[in-house]
C-alpha atoms as a PDB file:
ATOM      1  CA  MET A   1     152.566  -1.337  35.703  1.00  0.00           C
ATOM      2  CA  LYS A   2     152.677  -1.519  39.495  1.00  0.00           C
ATOM      3  CA  GLY A   3     154.233   1.939  39.619  1.00  0.00           C
ATOM      4  CA  ASN A   4     151.102   3.510  38.151  1.00  0.00           C
ATOM      5  CA  ALA A   5     148.941   2.238  41.004  1.00  0.00           C
ATOM      6  CA  LYS A   6     151.572   2.842  43.684  1.00  0.00           C
ATOM      7  CA  ALA A   7     151.734   6.522  42.756  1.00  0.00           C
ATOM      8  CA  TYR A   8     148.179   6.974  44.014  1.00  0.00           C
ATOM      9  CA  GLN A   9     149.114   5.399  47.341  1.00  0.00           C
ATOM     10  CA  LYS A  10     151.690   8.153  47.857  1.00  0.00           C
ATOM     11  CA  ILE A  11     148.983  10.818  47.946  1.00  0.00           C
ATOM     12  CA  LEU A  12     146.888  11.307  51.075  1.00  0.00           C
ATOM     13  CA  LEU A  13     143.413  12.800  51.252  1.00  0.00           C
ATOM     14  CA  ARG A  14     142.732  15.821  53.467  1.00  0.00           C
ATOM     15  CA  GLY A  15     139.070  15.683  54.391  1.00  0.00           C
ATOM     16  CA  ARG A  16     137.009  18.823  54.986  1.00  0.00           C
ATOM     17  CA  ILE A  17     134.088  18.877  57.411  1.00  0.00           C
ATOM     18  CA  LEU A  18     130.647  20.487  57.743  1.00  0.00           C
ATOM     19  CA  ARG A  19     130.277  20.937  53.992  1.00  0.00           C
ATOM     20  CA  LYS A  20     126.701  19.713  53.278  1.00  0.00           C
ATOM     21  CA  VAL A  21     127.314  16.462  51.444  1.00  0.00           C
ATOM     22  CA  GLY A  22     123.870  14.894  51.855  1.00  0.00           C
ATOM     23  CA  ARG A  23     123.540  14.774  48.075  1.00  0.00           C
ATOM     24  CA  VAL A  24     126.587  14.049  45.947  1.00  0.00           C
ATOM     25  CA  ASP A  25     126.644  14.658  42.188  1.00  0.00           C
ATOM     26  CA  CYS A  26     129.363  12.807  40.245  1.00  0.00           C
ATOM     27  CA  SER A  27     128.428  14.018  36.753  1.00  0.00           C
ATOM     28  CA  THR A  28     130.779  15.948  34.492  1.00  0.00           C
ATOM     29  CA  ILE A  29     131.391  17.084  30.912  1.00  0.00           C
ATOM     30  CA  ILE A  30     134.051  15.353  28.789  1.00  0.00           C
ATOM     31  CA  LEU A  31     134.949  17.113  25.526  1.00  0.00           C
ATOM     32  CA  GLY A  32     131.568  18.792  25.552  1.00  0.00           C
ATOM     33  CA  TYR A  33     129.577  15.611  26.212  1.00  0.00           C
ATOM     34  CA  PRO A  34     127.807  14.768  29.487  1.00  0.00           C
ATOM     35  CA  SER A  35     128.991  11.805  31.520  1.00  0.00           C
ATOM     36  CA  ALA A  36     127.398  10.422  34.664  1.00  0.00           C
ATOM     37  CA  LEU A  37     130.860   9.863  36.123  1.00  0.00           C
ATOM     38  CA  PRO A  38     134.361  11.293  35.630  1.00  0.00           C
ATOM     39  CA  ILE A  39     135.239   7.890  34.174  1.00  0.00           C
ATOM     40  CA  TYR A  40     135.576   6.634  30.606  1.00  0.00           C
ATOM     41  CA  THR A  41     136.486   3.170  29.389  1.00  0.00           C
ATOM     42  CA  SER A  42     140.003   3.301  27.962  1.00  0.00           C
ATOM     43  CA  PRO A  43     140.659   2.067  24.400  1.00  0.00           C
ATOM     44  CA  VAL A  44     141.610  -1.524  25.164  1.00  0.00           C
ATOM     45  CA  GLY A  45     142.273  -3.699  22.129  1.00  0.00           C
ATOM     46  CA  LEU A  46     141.171  -7.216  21.254  1.00  0.00           C
ATOM     47  CA  ALA A  47     138.483  -7.394  23.931  1.00  0.00           C
ATOM     48  CA  LYS A  48     137.135 -10.655  22.494  1.00  0.00           C
ATOM     49  CA  LEU A  49     140.204 -12.340  23.930  1.00  0.00           C
ATOM     50  CA  VAL A  50     138.533 -11.788  27.300  1.00  0.00           C
ATOM     51  CA  HIS A  51     134.852 -12.331  26.456  1.00  0.00           C
ATOM     52  CA  PRO A  52     132.984 -13.305  23.260  1.00  0.00           C
ATOM     53  CA  SER A  53     130.959 -10.079  23.365  1.00  0.00           C
ATOM     54  CA  GLY A  54     134.152  -8.038  23.262  1.00  0.00           C
ATOM     55  CA  GLU A  55     133.839  -4.321  22.651  1.00  0.00           C
ATOM     56  CA  CYS A  56     130.067  -4.641  22.242  1.00  0.00           C
ATOM     57  CA  ALA A  57     129.785  -5.609  25.904  1.00  0.00           C
ATOM     58  CA  ILE A  58     131.813  -2.528  26.833  1.00  0.00           C
ATOM     59  CA  ALA A  59     129.583  -0.312  24.682  1.00  0.00           C
ATOM     60  CA  SER A  60     126.389  -1.603  26.267  1.00  0.00           C
ATOM     61  CA  ALA A  61     127.754  -1.468  29.816  1.00  0.00           C
ATOM     62  CA  ALA A  62     129.168   2.032  29.399  1.00  0.00           C
ATOM     63  CA  GLY A  63     125.882   3.276  27.990  1.00  0.00           C
ATOM     64  CA  LYS A  64     123.783   1.813  30.782  1.00  0.00           C
ATOM     65  CA  GLU A  65     126.079   3.349  33.401  1.00  0.00           C
ATOM     66  CA  GLY A  66     126.184   6.722  31.650  1.00  0.00           C
ATOM     67  CA  CYS A  67     129.872   6.618  30.739  1.00  0.00           C
ATOM     68  CA  ILE A  68     131.773   7.222  27.505  1.00  0.00           C
ATOM     69  CA  GLN A  69     133.585   4.416  25.685  1.00  0.00           C
ATOM     70  CA  VAL A  70     136.807   4.930  23.736  1.00  0.00           C
ATOM     71  CA  VAL A  71     137.252   2.310  20.996  1.00  0.00           C
ATOM     72  CA  ASN A  72     140.697   1.058  19.982  1.00  0.00           C
ATOM     73  CA  THR A  73     142.068   1.008  16.434  1.00  0.00           C
ATOM     74  CA  VAL A  74     142.810  -2.682  16.977  1.00  0.00           C
ATOM     75  CA  SER A  75     139.431  -3.603  18.373  1.00  0.00           C
ATOM     76  CA  SER A  76     138.268  -7.155  17.762  1.00  0.00           C
ATOM     77  CA  MET A  77     134.978  -6.031  16.228  1.00  0.00           C
ATOM     78  CA  PRO A  78     134.045  -3.631  13.424  1.00  0.00           C
ATOM     79  CA  ILE A  79     133.337  -0.105  14.584  1.00  0.00           C
ATOM     80  CA  GLU A  80     129.881  -0.305  13.027  1.00  0.00           C
ATOM     81  CA  GLN A  81     129.013  -3.367  15.117  1.00  0.00           C
ATOM     82  CA  ILE A  82     130.232  -1.658  18.270  1.00  0.00           C
ATOM     83  CA  MET A  83     128.149   1.422  17.532  1.00  0.00           C
ATOM     84  CA  ASP A  84     125.095  -0.781  17.004  1.00  0.00           C
ATOM     85  CA  ALA A  85     125.610  -2.190  20.515  1.00  0.00           C
ATOM     86  CA  ARG A  86     124.980   1.214  22.101  1.00  0.00           C
ATOM     87  CA  ILE A  87     121.826   1.574  24.151  1.00  0.00           C
ATOM     88  CA  SER A  88     120.784   4.556  22.019  1.00  0.00           C
ATOM     89  CA  LYS A  89     122.053   6.546  19.063  1.00  0.00           C
ATOM     90  CA  ASP A  90     122.746   9.434  21.435  1.00  0.00           C
ATOM     91  CA  GLN A  91     125.326   7.414  23.373  1.00  0.00           C
ATOM     92  CA  VAL A  92     128.755   9.006  22.922  1.00  0.00           C
ATOM     93  CA  VAL A  93     131.727   6.997  21.675  1.00  0.00           C
ATOM     94  CA  PHE A  94     135.257   8.245  20.980  1.00  0.00           C
ATOM     95  CA  TRP A  95     137.800   6.479  18.752  1.00  0.00           C
ATOM     96  CA  GLN A  96     141.526   6.002  19.332  1.00  0.00           C
ATOM     97  CA  LEU A  97     143.870   6.216  16.339  1.00  0.00           C
ATOM     98  CA  TYR A  98     147.224   4.547  15.784  1.00  0.00           C
ATOM     99  CA  ALA A  99     148.588   6.570  12.876  1.00  0.00           C
ATOM    100  CA  ASP A 100     149.438   4.353   9.921  1.00  0.00           C
ATOM    101  CA  LYS A 101     152.670   4.755   7.994  1.00  0.00           C
ATOM    102  CA  ASP A 102     150.362   5.268   5.034  1.00  0.00           C
ATOM    103  CA  LEU A 103     148.463   8.448   5.888  1.00  0.00           C
ATOM    104  CA  GLU A 104     145.869   7.685   3.249  1.00  0.00           C
ATOM    105  CA  MET A 105     145.033   4.553   5.230  1.00  0.00           C
ATOM    106  CA  SER A 106     144.669   6.647   8.376  1.00  0.00           C
ATOM    107  CA  LYS A 107     142.448   9.079   6.512  1.00  0.00           C
ATOM    108  CA  ALA A 108     140.262   6.203   5.312  1.00  0.00           C
ATOM    109  CA  PHE A 109     139.924   4.930   8.891  1.00  0.00           C
ATOM    110  CA  ILE A 110     138.966   8.412  10.075  1.00  0.00           C
ATOM    111  CA  LYS A 111     136.287   8.786   7.422  1.00  0.00           C
ATOM    112  CA  ARG A 112     134.930   5.372   8.313  1.00  0.00           C
ATOM    113  CA  VAL A 113     134.575   6.095  12.019  1.00  0.00           C
ATOM    114  CA  GLU A 114     133.154   9.533  11.274  1.00  0.00           C
ATOM    115  CA  SER A 115     130.468   7.848   9.197  1.00  0.00           C
ATOM    116  CA  ALA A 116     129.847   5.413  12.053  1.00  0.00           C
ATOM    117  CA  GLY A 117     129.159   8.339  14.380  1.00  0.00           C
ATOM    118  CA  VAL A 118     132.124   8.647  16.757  1.00  0.00           C
ATOM    119  CA  ALA A 119     132.477  12.031  18.453  1.00  0.00           C
ATOM    120  CA  ALA A 120     136.250  12.475  18.843  1.00  0.00           C
ATOM    121  CA  ILE A 121     139.595  11.166  17.598  1.00  0.00           C
ATOM    122  CA  TRP A 122     142.264  10.209  20.130  1.00  0.00           C
ATOM    123  CA  LEU A 123     145.746  10.061  18.595  1.00  0.00           C
ATOM    124  CA  THR A 124     147.999   7.673  20.529  1.00  0.00           C
ATOM    125  CA  VAL A 125     151.621   8.862  20.591  1.00  0.00           C
ATOM    126  CA  ASP A 126     153.272   7.005  23.473  1.00  0.00           C
ATOM    127  CA  SER A 127     154.227   3.878  21.510  1.00  0.00           C
ATOM    128  CA  PRO A 128     156.194   4.888  18.399  1.00  0.00           C
ATOM    129  CA  VAL A 129     157.910   1.509  18.597  1.00  0.00           C
ATOM    130  CA  VAL A 130     156.760  -1.855  19.922  1.00  0.00           C
ATOM    131  CA  GLY A 131     157.741  -2.513  23.526  1.00  0.00           C
ATOM    132  CA  ASN A 132     159.498  -5.676  24.640  1.00  0.00           C
ATOM    133  CA  ARG A 133     156.434  -7.437  26.048  1.00  0.00           C
ATOM    134  CA  GLU A 134     157.967 -10.733  27.088  1.00  0.00           C
ATOM    135  CA  ARG A 135     154.798 -12.242  28.536  1.00  0.00           C
ATOM    136  CA  ASP A 136     152.920 -11.567  25.320  1.00  0.00           C
ATOM    137  CA  GLU A 137     155.664 -13.226  23.301  1.00  0.00           C
ATOM    138  CA  ARG A 138     155.534 -16.323  25.488  1.00  0.00           C
ATOM    139  CA  SER A 139     151.754 -16.684  25.306  1.00  0.00           C
ATOM    140  CA  LYS A 140     151.077 -18.940  22.327  1.00  0.00           C
ATOM    141  CA  SER A 141     147.367 -19.226  23.119  1.00  0.00           C
ATOM    142  CA  ILE A 142     146.882 -15.475  22.752  1.00  0.00           C
ATOM    143  CA  GLU A 143     148.904 -15.488  19.546  1.00  0.00           C
ATOM    144  CA  GLU A 144     146.676 -18.218  18.100  1.00  0.00           C
ATOM    145  CA  LYS A 145     143.512 -16.323  19.055  1.00  0.00           C
ATOM    146  CA  MET A 146     144.863 -13.146  17.478  1.00  0.00           C
ATOM    147  CA  GLU A 147     145.421 -15.055  14.246  1.00  0.00           C
ATOM    148  CA  GLU A 148     141.817 -16.259  14.448  1.00  0.00           C
ATOM    149  CA  PHE A 149     140.572 -12.663  14.736  1.00  0.00           C
ATOM    150  CA  VAL A 150     142.735 -11.595  11.825  1.00  0.00           C
ATOM    151  CA  GLU A 151     141.104 -14.213   9.629  1.00  0.00           C
ATOM    152  CA  THR A 152     137.505 -13.779  10.730  1.00  0.00           C
ATOM    153  CA  THR A 153     136.866 -10.116  11.572  1.00  0.00           C
ATOM    154  CA  GLN A 154     136.650  -6.876   9.636  1.00  0.00           C
ATOM    155  CA  SER A 155     137.592  -4.597  12.487  1.00  0.00           C
ATOM    156  CA  VAL A 156     139.514  -1.418  11.756  1.00  0.00           C
ATOM    157  CA  GLY A 157     143.206  -2.303  11.833  1.00  0.00           C
ATOM    158  CA  ILE A 158     142.769  -5.743  13.355  1.00  0.00           C
ATOM    159  CA  ALA A 159     144.909  -7.382  10.669  1.00  0.00           C
ATOM    160  CA  LYS A 160     147.761  -5.265  11.969  1.00  0.00           C
ATOM    161  CA  ALA A 161     147.268  -6.105  15.612  1.00  0.00           C
ATOM    162  CA  ASN A 162     151.016  -6.559  16.123  1.00  0.00           C
ATOM    163  CA  THR A 163     151.234  -2.733  15.736  1.00  0.00           C
ATOM    164  CA  GLY A 164     153.940  -3.075  13.107  1.00  0.00           C
ATOM    165  CA  PHE A 165     152.005  -0.610  10.958  1.00  0.00           C
ATOM    166  CA  ILE A 166     152.506   2.300  13.402  1.00  0.00           C
ATOM    167  CA  ASP A 167     154.544   5.208  12.043  1.00  0.00           C
ATOM    168  CA  ALA A 168     157.655   5.652  14.209  1.00  0.00           C
ATOM    169  CA  ASP A 169     158.437   8.953  12.461  1.00  0.00           C
ATOM    170  CA  LEU A 170     155.427  10.811  13.823  1.00  0.00           C
ATOM    171  CA  ASP A 171     156.019  14.399  14.891  1.00  0.00           C
ATOM    172  CA  TRP A 172     153.884  17.409  15.767  1.00  0.00           C
ATOM    173  CA  ASP A 173     153.051  17.880  12.082  1.00  0.00           C
ATOM    174  CA  MET A 174     150.760  14.866  12.496  1.00  0.00           C
ATOM    175  CA  VAL A 175     148.557  16.909  14.808  1.00  0.00           C
ATOM    176  CA  ASP A 176     148.244  19.608  12.155  1.00  0.00           C
ATOM    177  CA  TRP A 177     147.481  16.953   9.515  1.00  0.00           C
ATOM    178  CA  LEU A 178     144.824  15.442  11.749  1.00  0.00           C
ATOM    179  CA  ARG A 179     143.224  18.840  12.288  1.00  0.00           C
ATOM    180  CA  LYS A 180     142.901  19.232   8.513  1.00  0.00           C
ATOM    181  CA  SER A 181     141.540  15.693   8.130  1.00  0.00           C
ATOM    182  CA  THR A 182     138.626  15.867  10.557  1.00  0.00           C
ATOM    183  CA  LYS A 183     136.280  18.325  12.207  1.00  0.00           C
ATOM    184  CA  LEU A 184     135.939  16.111  15.266  1.00  0.00           C
ATOM    185  CA  ALA A 185     137.515  16.935  18.603  1.00  0.00           C
ATOM    186  CA  ILE A 186     141.180  15.877  18.772  1.00  0.00           C
ATOM    187  CA  VAL A 187     142.862  14.389  21.828  1.00  0.00           C
ATOM    188  CA  ILE A 188     146.524  13.410  22.144  1.00  0.00           C
ATOM    189  CA  LYS A 189     146.914  10.237  24.189  1.00  0.00           C
ATOM    190  CA  GLY A 190     150.261   9.392  25.732  1.00  0.00           C
ATOM    191  CA  ILE A 191     151.612  12.631  27.218  1.00  0.00           C
ATOM    192  CA  GLN A 192     154.371  11.773  29.703  1.00  0.00           C
ATOM    193  CA  SER A 193     155.942  15.131  30.545  1.00  0.00           C
ATOM    194  CA  VAL A 194     154.866  18.667  31.337  1.00  0.00           C
ATOM    195  CA  GLU A 195     156.912  19.887  28.364  1.00  0.00           C
ATOM    196  CA  ASP A 196     154.819  17.870  25.916  1.00  0.00           C
ATOM    197  CA  ALA A 197     151.619  18.846  27.698  1.00  0.00           C
ATOM    198  CA  VAL A 198     152.473  22.491  27.079  1.00  0.00           C
ATOM    199  CA  SER A 199     153.322  21.747  23.431  1.00  0.00           C
ATOM    200  CA  ALA A 200     149.939  20.072  22.995  1.00  0.00           C
ATOM    201  CA  PHE A 201     148.294  23.109  24.557  1.00  0.00           C
ATOM    202  CA  HIS A 202     150.025  25.375  22.036  1.00  0.00           C
ATOM    203  CA  HIS A 203     148.857  23.110  19.197  1.00  0.00           C
ATOM    204  CA  LYS A 204     145.309  23.795  20.388  1.00  0.00           C
ATOM    205  CA  VAL A 205     144.141  20.215  20.722  1.00  0.00           C
ATOM    206  CA  ASP A 206     140.908  19.669  22.602  1.00  0.00           C
ATOM    207  CA  GLY A 207     142.352  17.351  25.208  1.00  0.00           C
ATOM    208  CA  ILE A 208     145.347  15.340  26.333  1.00  0.00           C
ATOM    209  CA  VAL A 209     145.583  11.973  28.048  1.00  0.00           C
ATOM    210  CA  LEU A 210     148.424  11.520  30.498  1.00  0.00           C
ATOM    211  CA  SER A 211     149.366   7.895  29.902  1.00  0.00           C
ATOM    212  CA  ASN A 212     152.330   5.533  29.701  1.00  0.00           C
ATOM    213  CA  HIS A 213     150.283   2.881  27.887  1.00  0.00           C
ATOM    214  CA  GLY A 214     149.410   1.133  31.115  1.00  0.00           C
ATOM    215  CA  GLY A 215     153.101   0.711  31.917  1.00  0.00           C
ATOM    216  CA  ARG A 216     153.364  -1.930  29.186  1.00  0.00           C
ATOM    217  CA  SER A 217     155.652  -0.160  26.728  1.00  0.00           C
ATOM    218  CA  GLN A 218     158.713   1.225  28.507  1.00  0.00           C
ATOM    219  CA  ASP A 219     160.232  -0.001  31.752  1.00  0.00           C
ATOM    220  CA  THR A 220     160.524   2.696  34.447  1.00  0.00           C
ATOM    221  CA  ALA A 221     158.331   5.192  32.575  1.00  0.00           C
ATOM    222  CA  GLN A 222     157.025   7.654  35.132  1.00  0.00           C
ATOM    223  CA  PRO A 223     153.422   7.190  36.294  1.00  0.00           C
ATOM    224  CA  PRO A 224     150.802   9.427  34.645  1.00  0.00           C
ATOM    225  CA  LEU A 225     149.811  10.780  38.059  1.00  0.00           C
ATOM    226  CA  LEU A 226     153.349  12.106  38.449  1.00  0.00           C
ATOM    227  CA  THR A 227     153.045  13.834  35.082  1.00  0.00           C
ATOM    228  CA  LEU A 228     149.819  15.419  36.321  1.00  0.00           C
ATOM    229  CA  LEU A 229     151.674  16.638  39.397  1.00  0.00           C
ATOM    230  CA  GLU A 230     154.355  18.117  37.097  1.00  0.00           C
ATOM    231  CA  ILE A 231     151.690  20.077  35.242  1.00  0.00           C
ATOM    232  CA  ASP A 232     150.180  21.229  38.526  1.00  0.00           C
ATOM    233  CA  ARG A 233     153.614  22.486  39.618  1.00  0.00           C
ATOM    234  CA  TYR A 234     155.143  23.898  36.440  1.00  0.00           C
ATOM    235  CA  ALA A 235     152.249  24.709  34.078  1.00  0.00           C
ATOM    236  CA  PRO A 236     149.042  25.125  36.099  1.00  0.00           C
ATOM    237  CA  GLN A 237     147.846  27.692  33.565  1.00  0.00           C
ATOM    238  CA  ILE A 238     146.832  24.946  31.121  1.00  0.00           C
ATOM    239  CA  LEU A 239     144.558  23.170  33.598  1.00  0.00           C
ATOM    240  CA  GLY A 240     140.961  23.993  32.795  1.00  0.00           C
ATOM    241  CA  LYS A 241     141.893  26.496  30.080  1.00  0.00           C
ATOM    242  CA  HIS A 242     140.667  25.487  26.614  1.00  0.00           C
ATOM    243  CA  ILE A 243     142.014  21.956  27.013  1.00  0.00           C
ATOM    244  CA  GLN A 244     140.900  19.004  29.102  1.00  0.00           C
ATOM    245  CA  VAL A 245     143.466  16.902  30.918  1.00  0.00           C
ATOM    246  CA  LEU A 246     142.564  13.232  31.257  1.00  0.00           C
ATOM    247  CA  VAL A 247     144.628  10.548  32.950  1.00  0.00           C
ATOM    248  CA  ASP A 248     144.746   6.751  32.915  1.00  0.00           C
ATOM    249  CA  GLY A 249     146.877   4.010  34.412  1.00  0.00           C
ATOM    250  CA  GLY A 250     146.602   2.636  37.936  1.00  0.00           C
ATOM    251  CA  ILE A 251     143.019   3.726  38.691  1.00  0.00           C
ATOM    252  CA  ARG A 252     141.686   1.066  41.037  1.00  0.00           C
ATOM    253  CA  ARG A 253     139.575   2.823  43.695  1.00  0.00           C
ATOM    254  CA  GLY A 254     137.229   5.767  43.991  1.00  0.00           C
ATOM    255  CA  THR A 255     139.846   7.566  46.068  1.00  0.00           C
ATOM    256  CA  ASP A 256     142.215   7.416  43.082  1.00  0.00           C
ATOM    257  CA  ILE A 257     139.673   9.344  41.023  1.00  0.00           C
ATOM    258  CA  ILE A 258     139.410  12.066  43.655  1.00  0.00           C
ATOM    259  CA  LYS A 259     143.192  12.431  43.794  1.00  0.00           C
ATOM    260  CA  ALA A 260     143.450  12.859  40.022  1.00  0.00           C
ATOM    261  CA  LEU A 261     140.611  15.381  39.918  1.00  0.00           C
ATOM    262  CA  ALA A 262     142.074  17.349  42.823  1.00  0.00           C
ATOM    263  CA  LEU A 263     145.240  17.814  40.763  1.00  0.00           C
ATOM    264  CA  GLY A 264     143.314  19.148  37.792  1.00  0.00           C
ATOM    265  CA  ALA A 265     142.185  16.166  35.733  1.00  0.00           C
ATOM    266  CA  THR A 266     138.724  16.239  34.173  1.00  0.00           C
ATOM    267  CA  ALA A 267     138.237  12.471  34.131  1.00  0.00           C
ATOM    268  CA  VAL A 268     140.106   9.173  34.350  1.00  0.00           C
ATOM    269  CA  GLY A 269     140.294   6.156  32.081  1.00  0.00           C
ATOM    270  CA  ILE A 270     139.877   2.560  33.196  1.00  0.00           C
ATOM    271  CA  GLY A 271     141.334  -0.222  31.067  1.00  0.00           C
ATOM    272  CA  ARG A 272     142.411  -3.253  33.058  1.00  0.00           C
ATOM    273  CA  PRO A 273     139.462  -2.919  35.477  1.00  0.00           C
ATOM    274  CA  VAL A 274     137.160  -3.257  32.458  1.00  0.00           C
ATOM    275  CA  LEU A 275     138.936  -6.296  31.039  1.00  0.00           C
ATOM    276  CA  TYR A 276     139.290  -8.015  34.404  1.00  0.00           C
ATOM    277  CA  SER A 277     135.631  -7.469  35.268  1.00  0.00           C
ATOM    278  CA  MET A 278     134.340  -8.883  31.968  1.00  0.00           C
ATOM    279  CA  SER A 279     136.544 -11.983  32.152  1.00  0.00           C
ATOM    280  CA  GLY A 280     135.384 -15.304  33.556  1.00  0.00           C
ATOM    281  CA  GLY A 281     132.181 -15.093  31.542  1.00  0.00           C
ATOM    282  CA  TYR A 282     130.820 -11.984  33.261  1.00  0.00           C
ATOM    283  CA  GLY A 283     130.839  -9.768  30.168  1.00  0.00           C
ATOM    284  CA  GLU A 284     128.558  -6.738  30.315  1.00  0.00           C
ATOM    285  CA  TYR A 285     127.338  -7.572  33.828  1.00  0.00           C
ATOM    286  CA  GLY A 286     130.883  -7.609  35.183  1.00  0.00           C
ATOM    287  CA  ILE A 287     131.743  -4.265  33.601  1.00  0.00           C
ATOM    288  CA  ARG A 288     128.601  -2.641  34.936  1.00  0.00           C
ATOM    289  CA  ARG A 289     129.261  -3.977  38.412  1.00  0.00           C
ATOM    290  CA  ARG A 290     132.828  -2.624  38.335  1.00  0.00           C
ATOM    291  CA  ILE A 291     131.653   0.827  37.286  1.00  0.00           C
ATOM    292  CA  GLN A 292     129.008   0.745  40.015  1.00  0.00           C
ATOM    293  CA  ILE A 293     131.709  -0.021  42.578  1.00  0.00           C
ATOM    294  CA  PHE A 294     133.692   2.969  41.335  1.00  0.00           C
ATOM    295  CA  ARG A 295     130.538   5.092  41.577  1.00  0.00           C
ATOM    296  CA  ASN A 296     129.803   4.035  45.156  1.00  0.00           C
ATOM    297  CA  GLU A 297     133.392   4.557  46.274  1.00  0.00           C
ATOM    298  CA  LEU A 298     133.546   7.957  44.584  1.00  0.00           C
ATOM    299  CA  GLN A 299     130.311   9.146  46.179  1.00  0.00           C
ATOM    300  CA  THR A 300     131.365   7.919  49.616  1.00  0.00           C
ATOM    301  CA  ASN A 301     134.789   9.526  49.504  1.00  0.00           C
ATOM    302  CA  MET A 302     133.518  12.783  48.041  1.00  0.00           C
ATOM    303  CA  GLY A 303     131.442  12.952  51.199  1.00  0.00           C
ATOM    304  CA  PHE A 304     134.517  12.361  53.336  1.00  0.00           C
ATOM    305  CA  VAL A 305     136.569  15.104  51.643  1.00  0.00           C
ATOM    306  CA  GLY A 306     133.621  17.508  51.703  1.00  0.00           C
ATOM    307  CA  ALA A 307     132.655  17.780  48.034  1.00  0.00           C
ATOM    308  CA  SER A 308     129.007  17.609  46.974  1.00  0.00           C
ATOM    309  CA  ASN A 309     129.973  17.821  43.293  1.00  0.00           C
ATOM    310  CA  LEU A 310     133.148  17.478  41.254  1.00  0.00           C
ATOM    311  CA  ARG A 311     133.708  21.239  41.084  1.00  0.00           C
ATOM    312  CA  GLU A 312     134.130  21.253  44.849  1.00  0.00           C
ATOM    313  CA  ILE A 313     137.075  18.844  44.736  1.00  0.00           C
ATOM    314  CA  GLU A 314     139.974  21.187  45.480  1.00  0.00           C
ATOM    315  CA  ARG A 315     143.759  21.046  45.317  1.00  0.00           C
ATOM    316  CA  ASN A 316     144.019  21.472  49.080  1.00  0.00           C
ATOM    317  CA  MET A 317     142.155  18.193  49.604  1.00  0.00           C
ATOM    318  CA  VAL A 318     145.287  16.187  48.758  1.00  0.00           C
ATOM    319  CA  ASN A 319     148.681  15.927  50.422  1.00  0.00           C
ATOM    320  CA  THR A 320     151.178  15.233  47.614  1.00  0.00           C
ATOM    321  CA  ARG A 321     154.439  15.691  49.504  1.00  0.00           C
ATOM    322  CA  LYS A 322     155.443  12.017  49.367  1.00  0.00           C
ATOM    323  CA  LEU A 323     154.887  11.802  45.599  1.00  0.00           C
ATOM    324  CA  GLU A 324     156.656  15.119  45.016  1.00  0.00           C
ATOM    325  CA  ARG A 325     159.908  13.455  46.061  1.00  0.00           C
ATOM    326  CA  ASN A 326     159.821  11.592  42.740  1.00  0.00           C
ATOM    327  CA  MET A 327     159.153  14.689  40.655  1.00  0.00           C
ATOM    328  CA  VAL A 328     161.767  16.211  38.340  1.00  0.00           C
ATOM    329  CA  GLY A 329     163.505  19.151  39.998  1.00  0.00           C
ATOM    330  CA  SER A 330     163.203  21.650  37.164  1.00  0.00           C
ATOM    331  CA  VAL A 331     161.934  21.917  33.600  1.00  0.00           C
ATOM    332  CA  LYS A 332     162.485  24.242  30.656  1.00  0.00           C
ATOM    333  CA  LEU A 333     159.261  25.350  29.014  1.00  0.00           C
END
């Protein structure tokens, strides 16, 4: 987990001067939908463990700050309730899918969220098996609360919150099956190598998320930012060409966002910052305040690097030499 954040510290910003940055525009387009910031709320599960308002607080906060929310398969609230918490029916929400061993169950989930009004399906592929999460296993209080949610909610997949239902035999055929099962935009979440990024590109998905599941699944998994650097080095042709590259894991400051965008990302996902900010009773207010901090830091540092809008954030605004030392020496594509 620490490695994800440390990767950003290994990249330095190279500011440009005299670039007219009196007005800074942070807006962008994610999968065809406008967003006030190059930030989306990552699909965190069981948000009611942190605050009673759970995913509804995230929906309301994201809407008021002009950001897109991605809802988890194992959310602690029904998708319909989350959609009702939006500030308007035009507010965009995406949905993250853990593919069930029973594809008919997955298809039923997809039809349900389509009816609820989600705009895209994000297929998570980075956790085919359950990681050895020792802290989770030791935490009896969380286990008891999870059992409470299982008994009292109707959320999509919540009764399977231990992820034992996930199909470990998934392969690229699943992407083709998903394409036949929905007309919504399809994103593959959990790309951890340039090779798989290129494969996703060839399968003509709408987007990919570079992610190692927040560093919670496999020890020593390389940081998503390093995967982005791999793509920048070995397959730059896929950046900005018919597919959007998103990245999560370790985003803590506005400067981190600039570094990811300079390397070709369209937007970044925030998971832990959302959960941490809504804890302690802060709920929606805490989430909004955290997003506002990101906004202020992003605007300030765009001014320092000389970018008045996101399109002006360029590759030459970052010095990646220190991080490149950790990059694989060669790949076969």
